[in-house]
C-alpha atoms as a PDB file:
ATOM      1  CA  MET A   1       6.917  -9.146  -0.798  1.00  0.00           C
ATOM      2  CA  SER A   2       3.809 -10.976  -1.759  1.00  0.00           C
ATOM      3  CA  GLN A   3       0.856 -12.028   0.299  1.00  0.00           C
ATOM      4  CA  ARG A   4      -2.269 -14.029  -0.421  1.00  0.00           C
ATOM      5  CA  ALA A   5      -5.602 -12.365   0.232  1.00  0.00           C
ATOM      6  CA  ASN A   6      -6.616 -15.146   2.591  1.00  0.00           C
ATOM      7  CA  ALA A   7      -3.334 -15.057   4.565  1.00  0.00           C
ATOM      8  CA  PRO A   8      -2.632 -11.415   5.446  1.00  0.00           C
ATOM      9  CA  CYS A   9       0.675 -10.402   6.987  1.00  0.00           C
ATOM     10  CA  ASP A  10       0.600  -9.169  10.533  1.00  0.00           C
ATOM     11  CA  ARG A  11       1.823  -5.656  11.357  1.00  0.00           C
ATOM     12  CA  ALA A  12       5.136  -6.879  12.790  1.00  0.00           C
ATOM     13  CA  THR A  13       5.985  -8.730   9.567  1.00  0.00           C
ATOM     14  CA  VAL A  14       5.088  -5.741   7.420  1.00  0.00           C
ATOM     15  CA  ARG A  15       7.080  -3.411   9.701  1.00  0.00           C
ATOM     16  CA  ARG A  16      10.169  -5.661   9.470  1.00  0.00           C
ATOM     17  CA  THR A  17       9.834  -5.926   5.699  1.00  0.00           C
ATOM     18  CA  LEU A  18       9.454  -2.174   5.189  1.00  0.00           C
ATOM     19  CA  SER A  19      12.358  -1.517   7.571  1.00  0.00           C
ATOM     20  CA  TRP A  20      14.470  -3.844   5.467  1.00  0.00           C
ATOM     21  CA  PHE A  21      13.422  -2.001   2.289  1.00  0.00           C
ATOM     22  CA  TRP A  22      14.414   1.340   3.816  1.00  0.00           C
ATOM     23  CA  TRP A  23      17.732  -0.012   5.137  1.00  0.00           C
ATOM     24  CA  VAL A  24      18.684  -1.435   1.721  1.00  0.00           C
ATOM     25  CA  THR A  25      17.706   1.762  -0.107  1.00  0.00           C
ATOM     26  CA  LYS A  26      20.011   3.751   2.192  1.00  0.00           C
ATOM     27  CA  LYS A  27      22.854   1.370   1.326  1.00  0.00           C
ATOM     28  CA  LYS A  28      21.962   1.372  -2.367  1.00  0.00           C
ATOM     29  CA  PRO A  29      19.885   4.474  -3.218  1.00  0.00           C
ATOM     30  CA  SER A  30      19.343   3.377  -6.822  1.00  0.00           C
ATOM     31  CA  ALA A  31      17.576   0.176  -5.708  1.00  0.00           C
ATOM     32  CA  THR A  32      13.920  -0.272  -6.630  1.00  0.00           C
ATOM     33  CA  PHE A  33      11.566  -2.573  -4.731  1.00  0.00           C
ATOM     34  CA  MET A  34       8.077  -3.755  -5.386  1.00  0.00           C
ATOM     35  CA  ALA A  35       5.785  -4.719  -2.541  1.00  0.00           C
ATOM     36  CA  VAL A  36       2.361  -6.274  -3.080  1.00  0.00           C
ATOM     37  CA  PHE A  37      -0.197  -5.770  -0.331  1.00  0.00           C
ATOM     38  CA  THR A  38      -3.850  -6.703  -0.191  1.00  0.00           C
ATOM     39  CA  SER A  39      -4.392  -4.014   2.432  1.00  0.00           C
ATOM     40  CA  VAL A  40      -4.089  -0.421   1.273  1.00  0.00           C
ATOM     41  CA  ALA A  41      -3.241   0.775   4.811  1.00  0.00           C
ATOM     42  CA  TYR A  42       0.408  -0.216   4.340  1.00  0.00           C
ATOM     43  CA  THR A  43       0.755   1.739   1.102  1.00  0.00           C
ATOM     44  CA  ALA A  44       0.685   5.046   2.988  1.00  0.00           C
ATOM     45  CA  LEU A  45       4.229   4.155   4.089  1.00  0.00           C
ATOM     46  CA  LEU A  46       5.532   3.712   0.546  1.00  0.00           C
ATOM     47  CA  ASN A  47       6.831   6.279  -1.928  1.00  0.00           C
ATOM     48  CA  TYR A  48       4.577   5.227  -4.781  1.00  0.00           C
ATOM     49  CA  ALA A  49       1.682   2.829  -5.307  1.00  0.00           C
ATOM     50  CA  ASN A  50      -0.232   1.166  -8.126  1.00  0.00           C
ATOM     51  CA  THR A  51      -3.879   0.188  -7.715  1.00  0.00           C
ATOM     52  CA  PHE A  52      -4.830  -3.021  -9.515  1.00  0.00           C
ATOM     53  CA  VAL A  53      -8.301  -4.198 -10.488  1.00  0.00           C
ATOM     54  CA  MET A  54      -8.613  -7.611 -12.142  1.00  0.00           C
ATOM     55  CA  GLY A  55      -4.848  -7.638 -12.817  1.00  0.00           C
ATOM     56  CA  ARG A  56      -4.713  -4.208 -14.474  1.00  0.00           C
ATOM     57  CA  ILE A  57      -3.261  -0.996 -13.098  1.00  0.00           C
ATOM     58  CA  VAL A  58      -6.146   1.457 -12.817  1.00  0.00           C
ATOM     59  CA  GLU A  59      -4.390   4.165 -10.783  1.00  0.00           C
ATOM     60  CA  ASP A  60      -0.888   5.031  -9.727  1.00  0.00           C
ATOM     61  CA  GLY A  61       0.768   7.731  -7.687  1.00  0.00           C
ATOM     62  CA  THR A  62       1.805   8.711  -4.194  1.00  0.00           C
ATOM     63  CA  TYR A  63      -0.484   8.132  -1.226  1.00  0.00           C
ATOM     64  CA  ALA A  64      -1.330  11.851  -1.209  1.00  0.00           C
ATOM     65  CA  GLU A  65      -2.220  11.821  -4.913  1.00  0.00           C
ATOM     66  CA  LEU A  66      -4.263   8.630  -4.750  1.00  0.00           C
ATOM     67  CA  SER A  67      -6.164   9.595  -1.615  1.00  0.00           C
ATOM     68  CA  LYS A  68      -7.314  12.843  -3.255  1.00  0.00           C
ATOM     69  CA  ALA A  69      -8.231  11.322  -6.625  1.00  0.00           C
ATOM     70  CA  SER A  70     -11.689  10.059  -5.568  1.00  0.00           C
ATOM     71  CA  GLY A  71     -11.016   6.809  -7.396  1.00  0.00           C
ATOM     72  CA  THR A  72     -10.537   3.121  -6.721  1.00  0.00           C
ATOM     73  CA  TYR A  73      -7.692   3.605  -4.227  1.00  0.00           C
ATOM     74  CA  GLU A  74      -9.666   6.067  -2.119  1.00  0.00           C
ATOM     75  CA  SER A  75     -12.667   3.732  -2.162  1.00  0.00           C
ATOM     76  CA  LEU A  76     -10.517   0.796  -1.008  1.00  0.00           C
ATOM     77  CA  TRP A  77      -8.855   2.975   1.647  1.00  0.00           C
ATOM     78  CA  ASP A  78     -12.235   4.072   3.001  1.00  0.00           C
ATOM     79  CA  ARG A  79     -13.550   0.501   3.152  1.00  0.00           C
ATOM     80  CA  GLN A  80     -10.420  -0.993   4.708  1.00  0.00           C
ATOM     81  CA  THR A  81      -9.751   1.716   7.280  1.00  0.00           C
ATOM     82  CA  GLY A  82     -13.349   2.174   8.400  1.00  0.00           C
ATOM     83  CA  ALA A  83     -13.693   5.670   6.968  1.00  0.00           C
ATOM     84  CA  PHE A  84     -17.077   4.674   5.590  1.00  0.00           C
ATOM     85  CA  LEU A  85     -18.508   4.403   9.108  1.00  0.00           C
ATOM     86  CA  GLU A  86     -20.498   7.344  10.341  1.00  0.00           C
ATOM     87  CA  ALA A  87     -18.779   9.524  12.916  1.00  0.00           C
ATOM     88  CA  GLU A  88     -19.997   8.836  16.423  1.00  0.00           C
END
């Protein structure tokens, strides 16, 4: 799945796409899929993620690993999910 930064997929489209990925992997467990998202929020649903900067992989790992690494992924996650806002 690919999306342009200026034309983000809505949640329903992403949900259908990920459901399809999971359905196919149950039918064919050895299958490998690559999904490209401009929003890091969807990557929490995936098994593994790569973080790209200027076309280069700068980090890779599971959501748990990347969110604890204090790197680019965590910074993007914080900005895109509103974690940078002060608690009310």
